[in-house]
C-alpha atoms as a PDB file:
ATOM      1  CA  MET A   1      27.445  14.245  -3.020  1.00  0.00           C
ATOM      2  CA  ALA A   2      27.872  10.579  -2.112  1.00  0.00           C
ATOM      3  CA  ASP A   3      30.883   9.286  -0.253  1.00  0.00           C
ATOM      4  CA  THR A   4      32.705   6.936  -2.865  1.00  0.00           C
ATOM      5  CA  ARG A   5      35.700   6.137  -0.668  1.00  0.00           C
ATOM      6  CA  ASP A   6      36.902   2.639  -0.274  1.00  0.00           C
ATOM      7  CA  VAL A   7      35.303   1.101   2.742  1.00  0.00           C
ATOM      8  CA  LEU A   8      37.078  -1.018   5.303  1.00  0.00           C
ATOM      9  CA  LEU A   9      34.702  -3.190   7.560  1.00  0.00           C
ATOM     10  CA  VAL A  10      36.597  -4.518  10.691  1.00  0.00           C
ATOM     11  CA  ASP A  11      35.478  -7.360  12.814  1.00  0.00           C
ATOM     12  CA  GLY A  12      36.708  -5.622  16.168  1.00  0.00           C
ATOM     13  CA  TYR A  13      36.699  -8.680  18.568  1.00  0.00           C
ATOM     14  CA  ASN A  14      38.127 -10.837  15.898  1.00  0.00           C
ATOM     15  CA  MET A  15      41.159  -8.394  15.481  1.00  0.00           C
ATOM     16  CA  ILE A  16      41.592  -8.307  19.111  1.00  0.00           C
ATOM     17  CA  GLY A  17      41.796 -12.005  19.329  1.00  0.00           C
ATOM     18  CA  ALA A  18      44.209 -12.265  16.131  1.00  0.00           C
ATOM     19  CA  TRP A  19      46.620  -9.467  16.870  1.00  0.00           C
ATOM     20  CA  PRO A  20      49.003 -10.532  19.551  1.00  0.00           C
ATOM     21  CA  GLU A  21      49.611  -7.020  20.909  1.00  0.00           C
ATOM     22  CA  LEU A  22      45.793  -6.646  21.681  1.00  0.00           C
ATOM     23  CA  SER A  23      44.892 -10.120  22.901  1.00  0.00           C
ATOM     24  CA  ALA A  24      47.820  -9.468  25.574  1.00  0.00           C
ATOM     25  CA  LEU A  25      45.644  -6.415  26.748  1.00  0.00           C
ATOM     26  CA  VAL A  26      42.637  -8.279  27.089  1.00  0.00           C
ATOM     27  CA  GLN A  27      43.921  -9.485  30.499  1.00  0.00           C
ATOM     28  CA  SER A  28      44.123  -5.943  31.791  1.00  0.00           C
ATOM     29  CA  GLY A  29      40.614  -5.273  30.349  1.00  0.00           C
ATOM     30  CA  MET A  30      38.734  -5.432  27.016  1.00  0.00           C
ATOM     31  CA  GLN A  31      38.151  -1.546  27.047  1.00  0.00           C
ATOM     32  CA  GLU A  32      41.922  -1.087  26.681  1.00  0.00           C
ATOM     33  CA  ALA A  33      42.103  -3.495  23.769  1.00  0.00           C
ATOM     34  CA  ARG A  34      39.209  -2.023  21.960  1.00  0.00           C
ATOM     35  CA  ASP A  35      40.713   1.745  22.495  1.00  0.00           C
ATOM     36  CA  ARG A  36      44.099   0.595  21.164  1.00  0.00           C
ATOM     37  CA  LEU A  37      42.590  -1.186  18.118  1.00  0.00           C
ATOM     38  CA  LEU A  38      40.502   1.935  17.480  1.00  0.00           C
ATOM     39  CA  GLU A  39      43.574   4.204  17.770  1.00  0.00           C
ATOM     40  CA  ARG A  40      45.477   2.252  15.453  1.00  0.00           C
ATOM     41  CA  LEU A  41      42.464   2.111  12.953  1.00  0.00           C
ATOM     42  CA  ALA A  42      42.131   5.892  13.194  1.00  0.00           C
ATOM     43  CA  ASP A  43      45.796   6.506  12.254  1.00  0.00           C
ATOM     44  CA  HIS A  44      45.517   4.138   9.440  1.00  0.00           C
ATOM     45  CA  GLN A  45      42.369   5.720   8.200  1.00  0.00           C
ATOM     46  CA  ALA A  46      44.037   8.985   8.314  1.00  0.00           C
ATOM     47  CA  TYR A  47      46.699   7.631   6.256  1.00  0.00           C
ATOM     48  CA  SER A  48      44.820   5.742   3.720  1.00  0.00           C
ATOM     49  CA  GLY A  49      41.902   7.642   3.097  1.00  0.00           C
ATOM     50  CA  ARG A  50      39.498   4.724   3.437  1.00  0.00           C
ATOM     51  CA  ARG A  51      36.381   4.945   5.488  1.00  0.00           C
ATOM     52  CA  VAL A  52      36.797   2.555   8.375  1.00  0.00           C
ATOM     53  CA  ILE A  53      33.855   0.870  10.265  1.00  0.00           C
ATOM     54  CA  VAL A  54      34.527  -1.421  13.219  1.00  0.00           C
ATOM     55  CA  VAL A  55      31.741  -3.752  14.149  1.00  0.00           C
ATOM     56  CA  PHE A  56      31.705  -5.321  17.721  1.00  0.00           C
ATOM     57  CA  ASP A  57      29.365  -7.890  18.910  1.00  0.00           C
ATOM     58  CA  ALA A  58      27.211  -6.078  21.567  1.00  0.00           C
ATOM     59  CA  TYR A  59      26.921  -8.951  23.709  1.00  0.00           C
ATOM     60  CA  ARG A  60      30.053  -7.822  25.409  1.00  0.00           C
ATOM     61  CA  VAL A  61      29.050  -4.301  26.041  1.00  0.00           C
ATOM     62  CA  PRO A  62      25.992  -2.614  27.176  1.00  0.00           C
ATOM     63  CA  GLY A  63      23.865  -0.552  24.991  1.00  0.00           C
ATOM     64  CA  LEU A  64      22.898  -2.818  22.032  1.00  0.00           C
ATOM     65  CA  GLY A  65      22.570  -1.338  18.509  1.00  0.00           C
ATOM     66  CA  LYS A  66      24.710   1.883  19.282  1.00  0.00           C
ATOM     67  CA  THR A  67      26.504   3.537  16.380  1.00  0.00           C
ATOM     68  CA  PHE A  68      29.104   6.480  16.724  1.00  0.00           C
ATOM     69  CA  ALA A  69      32.210   7.852  15.531  1.00  0.00           C
ATOM     70  CA  GLN A  70      35.481   8.290  17.176  1.00  0.00           C
ATOM     71  CA  SER A  71      38.308   9.968  15.513  1.00  0.00           C
ATOM     72  CA  LYS A  72      36.456   9.655  12.260  1.00  0.00           C
ATOM     73  CA  VAL A  73      36.271   5.865  12.507  1.00  0.00           C
ATOM     74  CA  GLN A  74      32.622   4.806  12.671  1.00  0.00           C
ATOM     75  CA  ILE A  75      31.959   2.067  15.551  1.00  0.00           C
ATOM     76  CA  TYR A  76      28.791  -0.145  15.622  1.00  0.00           C
ATOM     77  CA  PHE A  77      27.728  -2.272  18.524  1.00  0.00           C
ATOM     78  CA  THR A  78      25.299  -4.831  16.945  1.00  0.00           C
ATOM     79  CA  ARG A  79      21.774  -5.104  17.635  1.00  0.00           C
ATOM     80  CA  GLU A  80      20.190  -7.398  19.949  1.00  0.00           C
ATOM     81  CA  LYS A  81      20.726 -11.188  18.709  1.00  0.00           C
ATOM     82  CA  GLU A  82      22.782  -9.980  15.687  1.00  0.00           C
ATOM     83  CA  THR A  83      26.289 -11.191  15.475  1.00  0.00           C
ATOM     84  CA  ALA A  84      29.255  -9.088  14.178  1.00  0.00           C
ATOM     85  CA  ASP A  85      29.156 -11.151  10.815  1.00  0.00           C
ATOM     86  CA  GLU A  86      25.570 -10.542  10.393  1.00  0.00           C
ATOM     87  CA  CYS A  87      26.130  -6.899  10.779  1.00  0.00           C
ATOM     88  CA  ILE A  88      28.980  -6.725   8.486  1.00  0.00           C
ATOM     89  CA  GLU A  89      26.846  -8.605   5.860  1.00  0.00           C
ATOM     90  CA  ARG A  90      24.074  -5.987   6.276  1.00  0.00           C
ATOM     91  CA  LEU A  91      26.558  -3.161   5.867  1.00  0.00           C
ATOM     92  CA  VAL A  92      28.103  -4.714   2.800  1.00  0.00           C
ATOM     93  CA  ARG A  93      24.581  -4.693   1.157  1.00  0.00           C
ATOM     94  CA  GLU A  94      23.857  -1.239   2.350  1.00  0.00           C
ATOM     95  CA  LEU A  95      27.175   0.215   1.255  1.00  0.00           C
ATOM     96  CA  SER A  96      27.510  -1.591  -2.132  1.00  0.00           C
ATOM     97  CA  SER A  97      28.170   0.480  -4.994  1.00  0.00           C
ATOM     98  CA  LYS A  98      30.137   0.342  -8.423  1.00  0.00           C
ATOM     99  CA  ARG A  99      32.139   3.426  -7.391  1.00  0.00           C
ATOM    100  CA  ARG A 100      33.770   1.967  -4.353  1.00  0.00           C
ATOM    101  CA  SER A 101      35.337  -1.305  -3.172  1.00  0.00           C
ATOM    102  CA  ILE A 102      34.355  -2.797   0.174  1.00  0.00           C
ATOM    103  CA  TYR A 103      37.159  -4.640   2.251  1.00  0.00           C
ATOM    104  CA  VAL A 104      36.243  -6.910   5.029  1.00  0.00           C
ATOM    105  CA  ALA A 105      38.852  -7.595   7.719  1.00  0.00           C
ATOM    106  CA  THR A 106      38.406 -10.769   9.392  1.00  0.00           C
ATOM    107  CA  SER A 107      40.229 -13.926  10.343  1.00  0.00           C
ATOM    108  CA  ASP A 108      37.222 -16.253  10.083  1.00  0.00           C
ATOM    109  CA  GLN A 109      36.582 -16.413   6.240  1.00  0.00           C
ATOM    110  CA  VAL A 110      34.066 -19.039   6.496  1.00  0.00           C
ATOM    111  CA  GLU A 111      31.736 -16.888   8.655  1.00  0.00           C
ATOM    112  CA  GLN A 112      31.826 -13.952   6.053  1.00  0.00           C
ATOM    113  CA  HIS A 113      31.070 -16.094   3.002  1.00  0.00           C
ATOM    114  CA  VAL A 114      27.919 -14.204   2.366  1.00  0.00           C
ATOM    115  CA  ALA A 115      29.739 -10.884   2.474  1.00  0.00           C
ATOM    116  CA  PHE A 116      32.428 -12.110  -0.163  1.00  0.00           C
ATOM    117  CA  GLY A 117      29.546 -13.547  -2.195  1.00  0.00           C
ATOM    118  CA  GLN A 118      28.062  -9.934  -2.225  1.00  0.00           C
ATOM    119  CA  GLY A 119      31.447  -8.664  -3.672  1.00  0.00           C
ATOM    120  CA  ALA A 120      33.475  -7.658  -0.645  1.00  0.00           C
ATOM    121  CA  LEU A 121      37.083  -8.275  -0.677  1.00  0.00           C
ATOM    122  CA  ARG A 122      38.672 -10.170   2.218  1.00  0.00           C
ATOM    123  CA  VAL A 123      41.746  -8.758   4.196  1.00  0.00           C
ATOM    124  CA  SER A 124      43.046 -11.218   6.832  1.00  0.00           C
ATOM    125  CA  ALA A 125      43.857 -10.159  10.376  1.00  0.00           C
ATOM    126  CA  ARG A 126      47.546 -10.551   9.523  1.00  0.00           C
ATOM    127  CA  GLU A 127      47.229  -8.675   6.018  1.00  0.00           C
ATOM    128  CA  LEU A 128      45.495  -5.771   7.820  1.00  0.00           C
ATOM    129  CA  LEU A 129      48.136  -5.640  10.639  1.00  0.00           C
ATOM    130  CA  ILE A 130      51.129  -5.538   8.074  1.00  0.00           C
ATOM    131  CA  GLU A 131      49.271  -2.897   6.248  1.00  0.00           C
ATOM    132  CA  ILE A 132      48.924  -0.775   9.271  1.00  0.00           C
ATOM    133  CA  GLU A 133      52.475  -1.230  10.222  1.00  0.00           C
ATOM    134  CA  GLU A 134      53.718  -0.388   6.829  1.00  0.00           C
ATOM    135  CA  SER A 135      51.622   2.999   6.936  1.00  0.00           C
ATOM    136  CA  GLU A 136      52.905   3.727  10.628  1.00  0.00           C
ATOM    137  CA  ARG A 137      56.453   3.184   9.354  1.00  0.00           C
ATOM    138  CA  GLU A 138      55.723   5.538   6.296  1.00  0.00           C
ATOM    139  CA  VAL A 139      54.353   8.330   8.629  1.00  0.00           C
ATOM    140  CA  GLN A 140      57.375   7.859  10.878  1.00  0.00           C
ATOM    141  CA  LYS A 141      59.898   8.044   7.800  1.00  0.00           C
ATOM    142  CA  ARG A 142      58.215  11.344   6.741  1.00  0.00           C
ATOM    143  CA  ILE A 143      58.148  12.975  10.048  1.00  0.00           C
ATOM    144  CA  LYS A 144      62.038  12.010  10.231  1.00  0.00           C
ATOM    145  CA  GLN A 145      62.538  13.355   6.753  1.00  0.00           C
ATOM    146  CA  ASP A 146      60.768  16.619   7.729  1.00  0.00           C
ATOM    147  CA  SER A 147      62.789  16.886  10.866  1.00  0.00           C
ATOM    148  CA  ALA A 148      65.963  16.742   9.108  1.00  0.00           C
ATOM    149  CA  LYS A 149      64.944  19.545   6.842  1.00  0.00           C
ATOM    150  CA  LEU A 150      63.830  22.000   9.531  1.00  0.00           C
ATOM    151  CA  SER A 151      66.173  24.561  10.901  1.00  0.00           C
ATOM    152  CA  ARG A 152      66.576  24.594  14.735  1.00  0.00           C
ATOM    153  CA  ASN A 153      64.918  28.052  14.879  1.00  0.00           C
ATOM    154  CA  SER A 154      61.661  26.900  13.255  1.00  0.00           C
ATOM    155  CA  ILE A 155      58.683  26.146  15.174  1.00  0.00           C
ATOM    156  CA  ASP A 156      58.242  22.675  13.805  1.00  0.00           C
ATOM    157  CA  ALA A 157      61.805  21.765  14.961  1.00  0.00           C
ATOM    158  CA  LYS A 158      60.750  22.563  18.638  1.00  0.00           C
ATOM    159  CA  LEU A 159      57.966  19.968  18.276  1.00  0.00           C
ATOM    160  CA  SER A 160      58.252  16.500  19.804  1.00  0.00           C
ATOM    161  CA  PRO A 161      58.050  13.592  17.292  1.00  0.00           C
ATOM    162  CA  GLU A 162      54.629  12.637  18.895  1.00  0.00           C
ATOM    163  CA  LEU A 163      53.127  16.011  18.361  1.00  0.00           C
ATOM    164  CA  ARG A 164      54.412  15.991  14.550  1.00  0.00           C
ATOM    165  CA  LYS A 165      52.702  12.459  14.259  1.00  0.00           C
ATOM    166  CA  LEU A 166      49.440  14.012  15.600  1.00  0.00           C
ATOM    167  CA  PHE A 167      49.650  17.068  13.334  1.00  0.00           C
ATOM    168  CA  GLU A 168      50.339  14.823  10.305  1.00  0.00           C
ATOM    169  CA  ARG A 169      47.207  12.711  11.164  1.00  0.00           C
ATOM    170  CA  TRP A 170      45.046  15.759  11.316  1.00  0.00           C
ATOM    171  CA  ARG A 171      46.442  16.975   8.074  1.00  0.00           C
ATOM    172  CA  ARG A 172      45.476  13.915   6.382  1.00  0.00           C
ATOM    173  CA  GLU A 173      42.039  14.034   7.710  1.00  0.00           C
END
């Protein structure tokens, strides 16, 4: 059966540069900024149900052309001499289907004009950040509501909010 979920394609380094929290982490190391981005996108993927693909320009990372999954988020490091924008355009072509929507999260709209011309929908870096923050607030709200309903003698009541958040993410996956 074909995967018909909506797809969110994210220009990884573009988001890192556009989100203040992540751009501040770059000073201590790019890997830390990448990890934090992937962590937030994994949580969002679990909440939204969208398929999330993050594309990084491989010129900053050894191992050109690698693709792997981390917490159900697919990660692409571009091929040699391929930019993230070109990779996103290629993925839009490959993933195009009448049964799903493809969203491209980027802050440089001009670079993605080909992807948008193929029917992809634009999500700005700011819009994605707001969407992620809203989903995080909703998860926290549900955890607090669930906590209020629990008796002190139940196992759930003895779990920390962080563990309940982790279980909520797993439940959604």
